[in-house]
C-alpha atoms as a PDB file:
ATOM      1  CA  MET A   1     -17.018  10.833  22.249  1.00  0.00           C
ATOM      2  CA  PRO A   2     -19.704  10.060  19.622  1.00  0.00           C
ATOM      3  CA  PRO A   3     -19.837   6.567  18.086  1.00  0.00           C
ATOM      4  CA  ALA A   4     -16.810   5.661  16.003  1.00  0.00           C
ATOM      5  CA  GLU A   5     -17.026   6.257  12.258  1.00  0.00           C
ATOM      6  CA  VAL A   6     -13.618   4.822  11.439  1.00  0.00           C
ATOM      7  CA  THR A   7     -11.773   1.566  12.164  1.00  0.00           C
ATOM      8  CA  VAL A   8      -7.992   1.724  12.210  1.00  0.00           C
ATOM      9  CA  VAL A   9      -6.416  -1.523  10.974  1.00  0.00           C
ATOM     10  CA  VAL A  10      -2.855  -2.212  12.067  1.00  0.00           C
ATOM     11  CA  VAL A  11      -1.233  -5.287  10.527  1.00  0.00           C
ATOM     12  CA  THR A  12       1.701  -6.676  12.475  1.00  0.00           C
ATOM     13  CA  TRP A  13       4.186  -9.506  12.257  1.00  0.00           C
ATOM     14  CA  GLN A  14       6.925  -9.895  14.864  1.00  0.00           C
ATOM     15  CA  GLY A  15       6.304  -6.273  15.780  1.00  0.00           C
ATOM     16  CA  ALA A  16       5.744  -6.337  19.547  1.00  0.00           C
ATOM     17  CA  HIS A  17       8.560  -3.792  19.961  1.00  0.00           C
ATOM     18  CA  LEU A  18       6.843  -1.414  17.514  1.00  0.00           C
ATOM     19  CA  LEU A  19       3.250  -1.593  18.688  1.00  0.00           C
ATOM     20  CA  PRO A  20       3.448   0.608  21.843  1.00  0.00           C
ATOM     21  CA  ASP A  21       4.346   3.738  19.846  1.00  0.00           C
ATOM     22  CA  CYS A  22       1.793   2.965  17.145  1.00  0.00           C
ATOM     23  CA  LEU A  23      -1.090   2.124  19.491  1.00  0.00           C
ATOM     24  CA  GLY A  24      -0.177   4.927  21.867  1.00  0.00           C
ATOM     25  CA  SER A  25      -0.552   7.427  19.034  1.00  0.00           C
ATOM     26  CA  LEU A  26      -3.990   6.027  18.246  1.00  0.00           C
ATOM     27  CA  ALA A  27      -5.075   6.315  21.863  1.00  0.00           C
ATOM     28  CA  ALA A  28      -4.323  10.054  21.655  1.00  0.00           C
ATOM     29  CA  GLN A  29      -6.508  10.686  18.585  1.00  0.00           C
ATOM     30  CA  THR A  30      -9.068  13.484  18.809  1.00  0.00           C
ATOM     31  CA  LEU A  31     -11.659  11.485  16.846  1.00  0.00           C
ATOM     32  CA  ALA A  32     -13.581   8.464  18.087  1.00  0.00           C
ATOM     33  CA  HIS A  33     -12.406   5.288  16.419  1.00  0.00           C
ATOM     34  CA  GLU A  34     -12.006   1.543  16.751  1.00  0.00           C
ATOM     35  CA  VAL A  35      -8.675  -0.237  16.487  1.00  0.00           C
ATOM     36  CA  LEU A  36      -8.277  -3.687  14.943  1.00  0.00           C
ATOM     37  CA  VAL A  37      -4.834  -5.272  15.113  1.00  0.00           C
ATOM     38  CA  VAL A  38      -4.274  -8.127  12.691  1.00  0.00           C
ATOM     39  CA  ASP A  39      -1.529 -10.382  14.056  1.00  0.00           C
ATOM     40  CA  ASN A  40       0.082 -12.375  11.247  1.00  0.00           C
ATOM     41  CA  ALA A  41       0.963 -15.382  13.423  1.00  0.00           C
ATOM     42  CA  SER A  42       3.662 -13.529  15.359  1.00  0.00           C
ATOM     43  CA  THR A  43       5.816 -15.589  17.743  1.00  0.00           C
ATOM     44  CA  ASP A  44       7.426 -12.655  19.591  1.00  0.00           C
ATOM     45  CA  GLY A  45       4.837 -12.184  22.357  1.00  0.00           C
ATOM     46  CA  THR A  46       2.549  -9.899  20.357  1.00  0.00           C
ATOM     47  CA  ALA A  47      -0.606 -11.758  21.442  1.00  0.00           C
ATOM     48  CA  ASP A  48       0.342 -11.565  25.122  1.00  0.00           C
ATOM     49  CA  LEU A  49       1.240  -7.877  24.830  1.00  0.00           C
ATOM     50  CA  LEU A  50      -2.112  -7.023  23.228  1.00  0.00           C
ATOM     51  CA  ALA A  51      -4.081  -9.020  25.781  1.00  0.00           C
ATOM     52  CA  ALA A  52      -2.249  -7.546  28.757  1.00  0.00           C
ATOM     53  CA  GLU A  53      -1.707  -3.935  27.752  1.00  0.00           C
ATOM     54  CA  TYR A  54      -4.438  -3.139  25.197  1.00  0.00           C
ATOM     55  CA  PRO A  55      -7.725  -4.732  26.317  1.00  0.00           C
ATOM     56  CA  GLY A  56      -9.741  -2.151  24.359  1.00  0.00           C
ATOM     57  CA  VAL A  57      -8.112  -3.080  21.073  1.00  0.00           C
ATOM     58  CA  ARG A  58      -9.786  -5.743  18.950  1.00  0.00           C
ATOM     59  CA  THR A  59      -7.403  -8.385  17.640  1.00  0.00           C
ATOM     60  CA  LEU A  60      -7.582 -10.804  14.738  1.00  0.00           C
ATOM     61  CA  ARG A  61      -4.922 -13.474  15.023  1.00  0.00           C
ATOM     62  CA  LEU A  62      -4.203 -15.311  11.794  1.00  0.00           C
ATOM     63  CA  GLU A  63      -2.803 -18.859  11.648  1.00  0.00           C
ATOM     64  CA  THR A  64      -0.162 -17.980   9.059  1.00  0.00           C
ATOM     65  CA  ASN A  65       1.687 -14.887   7.946  1.00  0.00           C
ATOM     66  CA  THR A  66      -0.433 -13.448   5.108  1.00  0.00           C
ATOM     67  CA  GLY A  67       1.589 -10.270   4.660  1.00  0.00           C
ATOM     68  CA  PHE A  68       0.186  -6.747   4.777  1.00  0.00           C
ATOM     69  CA  ALA A  69      -2.190  -7.346   1.882  1.00  0.00           C
ATOM     70  CA  GLY A  70      -3.573 -10.548   3.325  1.00  0.00           C
ATOM     71  CA  GLY A  71      -3.890  -9.001   6.765  1.00  0.00           C
ATOM     72  CA  VAL A  72      -5.966  -6.061   5.537  1.00  0.00           C
ATOM     73  CA  ALA A  73      -8.074  -8.350   3.349  1.00  0.00           C
ATOM     74  CA  ALA A  74      -8.791 -10.528   6.416  1.00  0.00           C
ATOM     75  CA  ALA A  75      -9.685  -7.433   8.441  1.00  0.00           C
ATOM     76  CA  LEU A  76     -12.122  -5.937   5.934  1.00  0.00           C
ATOM     77  CA  PRO A  77     -15.111  -8.240   6.768  1.00  0.00           C
ATOM     78  CA  ASN A  78     -14.628  -7.236  10.399  1.00  0.00           C
ATOM     79  CA  VAL A  79     -14.883  -3.504   9.710  1.00  0.00           C
ATOM     80  CA  HIS A  80     -18.360  -2.166  10.554  1.00  0.00           C
ATOM     81  CA  THR A  81     -17.707   1.579  10.239  1.00  0.00           C
ATOM     82  CA  PRO A  82     -18.083   3.795   7.131  1.00  0.00           C
ATOM     83  CA  TYR A  83     -14.352   4.464   7.039  1.00  0.00           C
ATOM     84  CA  LEU A  84     -11.249   2.287   7.156  1.00  0.00           C
ATOM     85  CA  ALA A  85      -7.883   3.677   8.221  1.00  0.00           C
ATOM     86  CA  LEU A  86      -4.597   1.913   7.580  1.00  0.00           C
ATOM     87  CA  LEU A  87      -1.551   2.572   9.749  1.00  0.00           C
ATOM     88  CA  ASN A  88       1.738   0.713   9.628  1.00  0.00           C
ATOM     89  CA  ASN A  89       2.817  -0.910  12.867  1.00  0.00           C
ATOM     90  CA  ASP A  90       6.123   0.975  12.607  1.00  0.00           C
ATOM     91  CA  ALA A  91       4.423   4.357  12.417  1.00  0.00           C
ATOM     92  CA  ALA A  92       2.903   6.837  14.866  1.00  0.00           C
ATOM     93  CA  ALA A  93       0.128   9.266  13.975  1.00  0.00           C
ATOM     94  CA  ASP A  94      -0.243  12.877  14.995  1.00  0.00           C
ATOM     95  CA  HIS A  95      -3.177  13.233  17.390  1.00  0.00           C
ATOM     96  CA  ARG A  96      -5.305  14.902  14.662  1.00  0.00           C
ATOM     97  CA  TRP A  97      -4.484  12.431  11.861  1.00  0.00           C
ATOM     98  CA  LEU A  98      -7.934  10.838  11.800  1.00  0.00           C
ATOM     99  CA  GLU A  99      -9.740  14.126  12.360  1.00  0.00           C
ATOM    100  CA  ARG A 100      -7.972  15.828   9.471  1.00  0.00           C
ATOM    101  CA  SER A 101      -8.352  12.851   7.145  1.00  0.00           C
ATOM    102  CA  LEU A 102     -12.097  12.466   7.736  1.00  0.00           C
ATOM    103  CA  ALA A 103     -12.586  16.208   7.371  1.00  0.00           C
ATOM    104  CA  ALA A 104     -11.012  16.014   3.909  1.00  0.00           C
ATOM    105  CA  LEU A 105     -13.280  13.086   2.980  1.00  0.00           C
ATOM    106  CA  GLY A 106     -16.274  15.039   4.192  1.00  0.00           C
ATOM    107  CA  GLU A 107     -15.353  18.078   2.115  1.00  0.00           C
ATOM    108  CA  HIS A 108     -14.710  15.994  -1.018  1.00  0.00           C
ATOM    109  CA  PRO A 109     -17.409  13.400  -1.642  1.00  0.00           C
ATOM    110  CA  GLU A 110     -15.716  12.382  -4.914  1.00  0.00           C
ATOM    111  CA  VAL A 111     -12.613  11.238  -2.964  1.00  0.00           C
ATOM    112  CA  ALA A 112     -12.348   7.605  -1.874  1.00  0.00           C
ATOM    113  CA  ALA A 113      -9.006   7.792  -0.050  1.00  0.00           C
ATOM    114  CA  VAL A 114      -7.025  10.424   1.813  1.00  0.00           C
ATOM    115  CA  THR A 115      -3.309   9.733   2.140  1.00  0.00           C
ATOM    116  CA  ALA A 116      -1.170  11.205   4.908  1.00  0.00           C
ATOM    117  CA  ARG A 117       1.929  13.376   5.081  1.00  0.00           C
ATOM    118  CA  MET A 118       4.464  10.784   6.191  1.00  0.00           C
ATOM    119  CA  ARG A 119       7.726  11.976   7.689  1.00  0.00           C
ATOM    120  CA  TYR A 120      10.772   9.950   8.627  1.00  0.00           C
ATOM    121  CA  TRP A 121      10.852   8.938  12.273  1.00  0.00           C
ATOM    122  CA  ASP A 122      14.515   9.770  12.700  1.00  0.00           C
ATOM    123  CA  ASP A 123      14.483  12.830  10.430  1.00  0.00           C
ATOM    124  CA  PRO A 124      11.062  14.542  10.570  1.00  0.00           C
ATOM    125  CA  GLY A 125      12.319  17.358   8.384  1.00  0.00           C
ATOM    126  CA  ARG A 126      12.303  14.953   5.403  1.00  0.00           C
ATOM    127  CA  LEU A 127       9.367  13.257   3.761  1.00  0.00           C
ATOM    128  CA  ASN A 128       8.861   9.542   3.410  1.00  0.00           C
ATOM    129  CA  ASN A 129       5.625   9.729   1.434  1.00  0.00           C
ATOM    130  CA  ALA A 130       3.090  12.299   0.241  1.00  0.00           C
ATOM    131  CA  GLY A 131       1.009   9.942  -1.842  1.00  0.00           C
ATOM    132  CA  VAL A 132       1.846   7.553  -4.674  1.00  0.00           C
ATOM    133  CA  VAL A 133       2.816   8.548  -8.204  1.00  0.00           C
ATOM    134  CA  LEU A 134       3.046   6.405 -11.328  1.00  0.00           C
ATOM    135  CA  VAL A 135       6.331   6.547 -13.186  1.00  0.00           C
ATOM    136  CA  ARG A 136       7.682   4.980 -16.386  1.00  0.00           C
ATOM    137  CA  GLY A 137       7.168   1.258 -16.506  1.00  0.00           C
ATOM    138  CA  GLY A 138       4.033   1.526 -14.423  1.00  0.00           C
ATOM    139  CA  TYR A 139       5.972   1.540 -11.187  1.00  0.00           C
ATOM    140  CA  GLY A 140       4.350   3.097  -8.149  1.00  0.00           C
ATOM    141  CA  ALA A 141       6.699   5.492  -6.339  1.00  0.00           C
ATOM    142  CA  ASP A 142       6.627   7.502  -3.121  1.00  0.00           C
ATOM    143  CA  ARG A 143       5.746  11.093  -3.933  1.00  0.00           C
ATOM    144  CA  GLY A 144       8.112  13.431  -2.130  1.00  0.00           C
ATOM    145  CA  LEU A 145      10.507  10.667  -1.072  1.00  0.00           C
ATOM    146  CA  ASP A 146      13.544  12.128   0.736  1.00  0.00           C
ATOM    147  CA  GLN A 147      12.450  15.687  -0.086  1.00  0.00           C
ATOM    148  CA  PRO A 148      12.520  18.468   2.536  1.00  0.00           C
ATOM    149  CA  ASP A 149       9.220  18.743   4.353  1.00  0.00           C
ATOM    150  CA  GLY A 150       7.976  21.972   2.834  1.00  0.00           C
ATOM    151  CA  PRO A 151       6.541  23.380  -0.403  1.00  0.00           C
ATOM    152  CA  PRO A 152       4.892  21.974  -2.436  1.00  0.00           C
ATOM    153  CA  PHE A 153       4.085  19.186   0.017  1.00  0.00           C
ATOM    154  CA  ASP A 154       2.520  21.571   2.496  1.00  0.00           C
ATOM    155  CA  GLN A 155      -0.509  21.945   0.187  1.00  0.00           C
ATOM    156  CA  PRO A 156      -3.394  19.513  -0.443  1.00  0.00           C
ATOM    157  CA  ALA A 157      -3.247  17.840  -3.843  1.00  0.00           C
ATOM    158  CA  GLU A 158      -4.864  15.194  -5.945  1.00  0.00           C
ATOM    159  CA  VAL A 159      -2.481  12.245  -6.279  1.00  0.00           C
ATOM    160  CA  PHE A 160      -2.628   9.030  -8.245  1.00  0.00           C
ATOM    161  CA  GLY A 161      -2.678   6.765  -5.247  1.00  0.00           C
ATOM    162  CA  PHE A 162      -2.595   6.443  -1.481  1.00  0.00           C
ATOM    163  CA  SER A 163       0.068   4.859   0.689  1.00  0.00           C
ATOM    164  CA  GLY A 164      -1.071   1.869   2.678  1.00  0.00           C
ATOM    165  CA  GLY A 165       1.286   3.047   5.410  1.00  0.00           C
ATOM    166  CA  ALA A 166      -1.145   5.768   6.492  1.00  0.00           C
ATOM    167  CA  ALA A 167      -4.465   6.479   4.762  1.00  0.00           C
ATOM    168  CA  VAL A 168      -8.201   6.676   5.403  1.00  0.00           C
ATOM    169  CA  LEU A 169     -10.639   5.162   2.890  1.00  0.00           C
ATOM    170  CA  ARG A 170     -14.370   4.867   2.309  1.00  0.00           C
ATOM    171  CA  VAL A 171     -15.273   1.266   3.115  1.00  0.00           C
ATOM    172  CA  ASP A 172     -18.125   1.084   0.583  1.00  0.00           C
ATOM    173  CA  ALA A 173     -15.809   2.210  -2.220  1.00  0.00           C
ATOM    174  CA  VAL A 174     -13.121  -0.297  -1.254  1.00  0.00           C
ATOM    175  CA  ARG A 175     -15.597  -3.153  -1.116  1.00  0.00           C
ATOM    176  CA  ALA A 176     -17.242  -2.146  -4.411  1.00  0.00           C
ATOM    177  CA  VAL A 177     -13.956  -2.484  -6.296  1.00  0.00           C
ATOM    178  CA  GLY A 178     -12.936  -5.786  -4.709  1.00  0.00           C
ATOM    179  CA  GLY A 179     -10.933  -4.835  -1.613  1.00  0.00           C
ATOM    180  CA  LEU A 180      -7.204  -5.358  -1.260  1.00  0.00           C
ATOM    181  CA  PRO A 181      -5.581  -8.184  -3.247  1.00  0.00           C
ATOM    182  CA  ALA A 182      -4.642 -10.702  -0.537  1.00  0.00           C
ATOM    183  CA  GLU A 183      -2.567 -12.657  -3.057  1.00  0.00           C
ATOM    184  CA  PHE A 184      -0.087  -9.782  -3.332  1.00  0.00           C
ATOM    185  CA  PHE A 185       1.187 -10.520   0.203  1.00  0.00           C
ATOM    186  CA  LEU A 186       3.464  -7.453   0.302  1.00  0.00           C
ATOM    187  CA  TYR A 187       3.834  -4.327  -1.834  1.00  0.00           C
ATOM    188  CA  TYR A 188       1.688  -2.785  -4.569  1.00  0.00           C
ATOM    189  CA  GLU A 189      -1.578  -3.698  -2.855  1.00  0.00           C
ATOM    190  CA  ASP A 190      -2.233   0.006  -2.291  1.00  0.00           C
ATOM    191  CA  THR A 191      -1.288   1.013  -5.847  1.00  0.00           C
ATOM    192  CA  ASP A 192      -3.454  -1.774  -7.271  1.00  0.00           C
ATOM    193  CA  LEU A 193      -6.434  -0.629  -5.190  1.00  0.00           C
ATOM    194  CA  SER A 194      -5.764   2.977  -6.244  1.00  0.00           C
ATOM    195  CA  TRP A 195      -5.927   1.902  -9.912  1.00  0.00           C
ATOM    196  CA  ARG A 196      -9.285   0.199  -9.320  1.00  0.00           C
ATOM    197  CA  LEU A 197     -10.756   3.127  -7.378  1.00  0.00           C
ATOM    198  CA  ARG A 198      -9.782   5.462 -10.204  1.00  0.00           C
ATOM    199  CA  LEU A 199     -11.213   3.115 -12.831  1.00  0.00           C
ATOM    200  CA  ALA A 200     -14.475   3.240 -10.878  1.00  0.00           C
ATOM    201  CA  GLY A 201     -14.452   7.025 -11.049  1.00  0.00           C
ATOM    202  CA  TRP A 202     -13.147   7.866  -7.567  1.00  0.00           C
ATOM    203  CA  ARG A 203     -10.391  10.386  -6.793  1.00  0.00           C
ATOM    204  CA  ILE A 204      -7.555  10.211  -4.234  1.00  0.00           C
ATOM    205  CA  ARG A 205      -6.293  13.132  -2.209  1.00  0.00           C
ATOM    206  CA  TYR A 206      -3.172  14.033  -0.261  1.00  0.00           C
ATOM    207  CA  GLU A 207      -3.871  15.891   2.966  1.00  0.00           C
ATOM    208  CA  PRO A 208      -0.789  17.577   4.473  1.00  0.00           C
ATOM    209  CA  ALA A 209      -2.530  18.278   7.787  1.00  0.00           C
ATOM    210  CA  ALA A 210      -2.860  14.507   8.374  1.00  0.00           C
ATOM    211  CA  ILE A 211       0.644  13.794   9.700  1.00  0.00           C
ATOM    212  CA  VAL A 212       2.319  10.489  10.484  1.00  0.00           C
ATOM    213  CA  THR A 213       5.941   9.654  11.340  1.00  0.00           C
ATOM    214  CA  HIS A 214       7.316   6.381  10.019  1.00  0.00           C
ATOM    215  CA  ARG A 215      10.237   4.119  10.831  1.00  0.00           C
ATOM    216  CA  HIS A 216      10.882   3.463   7.157  1.00  0.00           C
ATOM    217  CA  ALA A 217      11.502  -0.238   6.410  1.00  0.00           C
ATOM    218  CA  ALA A 218      11.553  -1.177  10.101  1.00  0.00           C
ATOM    219  CA  SER A 219       9.392  -4.197   9.215  1.00  0.00           C
ATOM    220  CA  SER A 220      11.113  -5.142   5.943  1.00  0.00           C
ATOM    221  CA  ASP A 221      14.451  -4.878   4.126  1.00  0.00           C
ATOM    222  CA  ARG A 222      14.192  -3.183   0.745  1.00  0.00           C
ATOM    223  CA  ARG A 223      17.537  -4.700  -0.298  1.00  0.00           C
ATOM    224  CA  SER A 224      16.266  -8.234   0.214  1.00  0.00           C
ATOM    225  CA  ASP A 225      15.235 -10.884  -2.282  1.00  0.00           C
ATOM    226  CA  LEU A 226      11.786 -10.810  -0.699  1.00  0.00           C
ATOM    227  CA  PHE A 227      11.341  -7.133  -1.500  1.00  0.00           C
ATOM    228  CA  ALA A 228      12.638  -7.492  -5.066  1.00  0.00           C
ATOM    229  CA  PHE A 229      10.444 -10.518  -5.794  1.00  0.00           C
ATOM    230  CA  TYR A 230       7.170  -9.106  -4.556  1.00  0.00           C
ATOM    231  CA  ASN A 231       7.890  -5.633  -5.908  1.00  0.00           C
ATOM    232  CA  GLU A 232       8.485  -6.899  -9.455  1.00  0.00           C
ATOM    233  CA  ARG A 233       5.869  -9.670  -9.425  1.00  0.00           C
ATOM    234  CA  ASN A 234       3.107  -7.491  -8.032  1.00  0.00           C
ATOM    235  CA  ARG A 235       3.848  -4.580 -10.373  1.00  0.00           C
ATOM    236  CA  LEU A 236       3.365  -6.899 -13.364  1.00  0.00           C
ATOM    237  CA  LEU A 237       0.257  -8.506 -11.898  1.00  0.00           C
ATOM    238  CA  MET A 238      -1.211  -5.072 -11.166  1.00  0.00           C
ATOM    239  CA  LEU A 239      -0.609  -3.957 -14.745  1.00  0.00           C
ATOM    240  CA  LEU A 240      -2.164  -7.119 -16.151  1.00  0.00           C
ATOM    241  CA  ARG A 241      -5.261  -6.464 -14.082  1.00  0.00           C
ATOM    242  CA  CYS A 242      -5.565  -2.691 -14.302  1.00  0.00           C
ATOM    243  CA  ALA A 243      -3.513  -1.058 -17.083  1.00  0.00           C
ATOM    244  CA  PRO A 244      -4.216  -0.908 -20.833  1.00  0.00           C
ATOM    245  CA  GLY A 245      -3.510  -4.340 -22.361  1.00  0.00           C
ATOM    246  CA  SER A 246      -0.813  -3.141 -24.723  1.00  0.00           C
ATOM    247  CA  PHE A 247       1.035  -1.378 -21.908  1.00  0.00           C
ATOM    248  CA  ALA A 248       0.809  -4.391 -19.566  1.00  0.00           C
ATOM    249  CA  LEU A 249       2.045  -6.801 -22.230  1.00  0.00           C
ATOM    250  CA  GLY A 250       4.787  -4.370 -23.192  1.00  0.00           C
ATOM    251  CA  GLN A 251       6.059  -4.240 -19.615  1.00  0.00           C
ATOM    252  CA  LEU A 252       5.971  -8.034 -19.342  1.00  0.00           C
ATOM    253  CA  ALA A 253       7.948  -8.313 -22.598  1.00  0.00           C
ATOM    254  CA  ARG A 254      10.400  -5.689 -21.346  1.00  0.00           C
ATOM    255  CA  PHE A 255      10.945  -7.716 -18.165  1.00  0.00           C
ATOM    256  CA  VAL A 256      11.723 -10.789 -20.277  1.00  0.00           C
ATOM    257  CA  LEU A 257      14.078  -8.878 -22.592  1.00  0.00           C
ATOM    258  CA  THR A 258      15.894  -7.238 -19.668  1.00  0.00           C
ATOM    259  CA  THR A 259      16.352 -10.645 -18.052  1.00  0.00           C
ATOM    260  CA  GLY A 260      17.874 -11.944 -21.295  1.00  0.00           C
ATOM    261  CA  SER A 261      20.124  -8.886 -21.624  1.00  0.00           C
ATOM    262  CA  LEU A 262      21.405  -9.234 -18.051  1.00  0.00           C
ATOM    263  CA  THR A 263      22.172 -12.900 -18.693  1.00  0.00           C
ATOM    264  CA  ALA A 264      24.019 -12.104 -21.911  1.00  0.00           C
ATOM    265  CA  ARG A 265      26.091  -9.440 -20.201  1.00  0.00           C
ATOM    266  CA  ARG A 266      27.154 -11.883 -17.544  1.00  0.00           C
ATOM    267  CA  LEU A 267      28.058 -14.531 -20.157  1.00  0.00           C
ATOM    268  CA  VAL A 268      30.448 -12.148 -21.927  1.00  0.00           C
ATOM    269  CA  GLY A 269      32.031 -11.094 -18.657  1.00  0.00           C
ATOM    270  CA  GLN A 270      30.429  -7.700 -18.251  1.00  0.00           C
ATOM    271  CA  GLN A 271      29.832  -6.520 -14.718  1.00  0.00           C
ATOM    272  CA  VAL A 272      26.227  -6.399 -13.463  1.00  0.00           C
ATOM    273  CA  ALA A 273      25.258  -4.741 -10.219  1.00  0.00           C
ATOM    274  CA  ASP A 274      24.756  -7.219  -7.425  1.00  0.00           C
ATOM    275  CA  ALA A 275      21.268  -6.072  -6.539  1.00  0.00           C
ATOM    276  CA  ALA A 276      18.583  -8.676  -5.912  1.00  0.00           C
ATOM    277  CA  VAL A 277      16.427  -7.397  -8.764  1.00  0.00           C
ATOM    278  CA  PHE A 278      19.204  -8.145 -11.282  1.00  0.00           C
ATOM    279  CA  ARG A 279      19.768 -11.752 -10.232  1.00  0.00           C
ATOM    280  CA  LEU A 280      18.759 -14.317 -12.852  1.00  0.00           C
ATOM    281  CA  GLY A 281      17.243 -16.788 -10.404  1.00  0.00           C
ATOM    282  CA  LEU A 282      15.015 -14.182  -8.844  1.00  0.00           C
ATOM    283  CA  ARG A 283      13.881 -12.797 -12.189  1.00  0.00           C
ATOM    284  CA  LEU A 284      13.016 -16.288 -13.408  1.00  0.00           C
ATOM    285  CA  ARG A 285      11.001 -16.870 -10.238  1.00  0.00           C
ATOM    286  CA  VAL A 286       9.142 -13.595 -10.864  1.00  0.00           C
ATOM    287  CA  LEU A 287       8.398 -14.572 -14.433  1.00  0.00           C
ATOM    288  CA  ALA A 288       7.178 -18.040 -13.481  1.00  0.00           C
ATOM    289  CA  ALA A 289       4.944 -16.596 -10.733  1.00  0.00           C
ATOM    290  CA  VAL A 290       3.407 -14.024 -13.112  1.00  0.00           C
ATOM    291  CA  LEU A 291       2.798 -16.522 -15.915  1.00  0.00           C
ATOM    292  CA  ALA A 292       1.159 -18.955 -13.470  1.00  0.00           C
ATOM    293  CA  ARG A 293      -1.270 -16.201 -12.462  1.00  0.00           C
ATOM    294  CA  VAL A 294      -2.163 -14.951 -15.929  1.00  0.00           C
ATOM    295  CA  PRO A 295      -5.551 -16.783 -16.065  1.00  0.00           C
ATOM    296  CA  THR A 296      -6.531 -15.415 -12.634  1.00  0.00           C
ATOM    297  CA  SER A 297      -5.328 -11.936 -13.590  1.00  0.00           C
ATOM    298  CA  LEU A 298      -7.392 -11.965 -16.773  1.00  0.00           C
ATOM    299  CA  ARG A 299     -10.510 -12.992 -14.879  1.00  0.00           C
ATOM    300  CA  ARG A 300      -9.855 -10.211 -12.396  1.00  0.00           C
ATOM    301  CA  ARG A 301      -9.306  -7.794 -15.289  1.00  0.00           C
ATOM    302  CA  ALA A 302     -12.699  -8.682 -16.736  1.00  0.00           C
ATOM    303  CA  ALA A 303     -14.374  -8.080 -13.347  1.00  0.00           C
ATOM    304  CA  ILE A 304     -12.650  -4.703 -13.065  1.00  0.00           C
ATOM    305  CA  SER A 305     -13.816  -3.777 -16.560  1.00  0.00           C
ATOM    306  CA  ARG A 306     -17.433  -4.373 -15.569  1.00  0.00           C
ATOM    307  CA  ILE A 307     -17.265  -1.714 -12.841  1.00  0.00           C
ATOM    308  CA  ALA A 308     -15.055   0.770 -14.694  1.00  0.00           C
ATOM    309  CA  THR A 309     -16.409   4.194 -15.644  1.00  0.00           C
ATOM    310  CA  VAL A 310     -13.045   5.604 -16.690  1.00  0.00           C
ATOM    311  CA  SER A 311     -10.826   4.072 -19.368  1.00  0.00           C
ATOM    312  CA  ARG A 312      -7.494   2.505 -18.504  1.00  0.00           C
ATOM    313  CA  ALA A 313      -5.869   4.536 -21.279  1.00  0.00           C
ATOM    314  CA  GLU A 314      -7.166   7.801 -19.861  1.00  0.00           C
ATOM    315  CA  ILE A 315      -5.768   7.031 -16.419  1.00  0.00           C
ATOM    316  CA  LEU A 316      -2.405   6.049 -17.842  1.00  0.00           C
ATOM    317  CA  LYS A 317      -2.205   9.187 -19.971  1.00  0.00           C
ATOM    318  CA  THR A 318      -3.201  11.417 -17.085  1.00  0.00           C
ATOM    319  CA  TRP A 319      -0.764  10.049 -14.543  1.00  0.00           C
ATOM    320  CA  ILE A 320       2.218   8.961 -16.646  1.00  0.00           C
ATOM    321  CA  GLY A 321       1.685  10.822 -19.941  1.00  0.00           C
END
């Protein structure tokens, strides 16, 4: 094969049981590539497995668990190819995933990221993700989630953002806009980077021929306090950094008002759903974490503004309306 143009980064934590399927799918790729596994201080034998079974795979073992965002951020200085691919450790790629993704990037020089057609591992007739959409409140959502795998998701399309679960990106573009936000730890790091790429004038594309199957939430529990905390905190931090100021402040105010409303309902004996995101303690932790990071977020916002060629308002109007 010719020299590798793409480095596939796989971030793992306690995922020794998941890696054989993931790395096996990469070994079958039709395109030359490098593989860099970032081990977030796993204690389940991951390091021994990689050393014994995958000597051709580069590894970066971190001293602490830095989450997906921190793992990719740590990997980026070690990527020496023009393209960076991200693949979840609980996913397996079709043998032409890289080939199809790089072909789309080659055909579309205005595109910084190509996101894959992700199907459920245990139900490949349904979609897990076909790119990221923005919805009311500035939330990022999985395009095509739980939909049958067919039209319109069998056609290429421009999408707001890529999924960090399976995507290929231009390294220069990623570095120029500041890389992935390591401080996010988990969730919204891909949507935040998508915002910044779009502010810098890049586009993002969904390529249905780039196929990946995914054990959805095999590495995390979306019903957990951890998911609710990082999902809400990082959405608000992303908006403070990337969205129009009035919109970001409006969503922060809405979070505060909703927290007050939920508290009032409980005080008068009204029933509130027992989901983590509705719990007072968690919402107060989110609010405290966001407020503590406002100065850093504003500095990051100013840096983003200096590289922006598209207005925040235009992006919001285009993708939410």
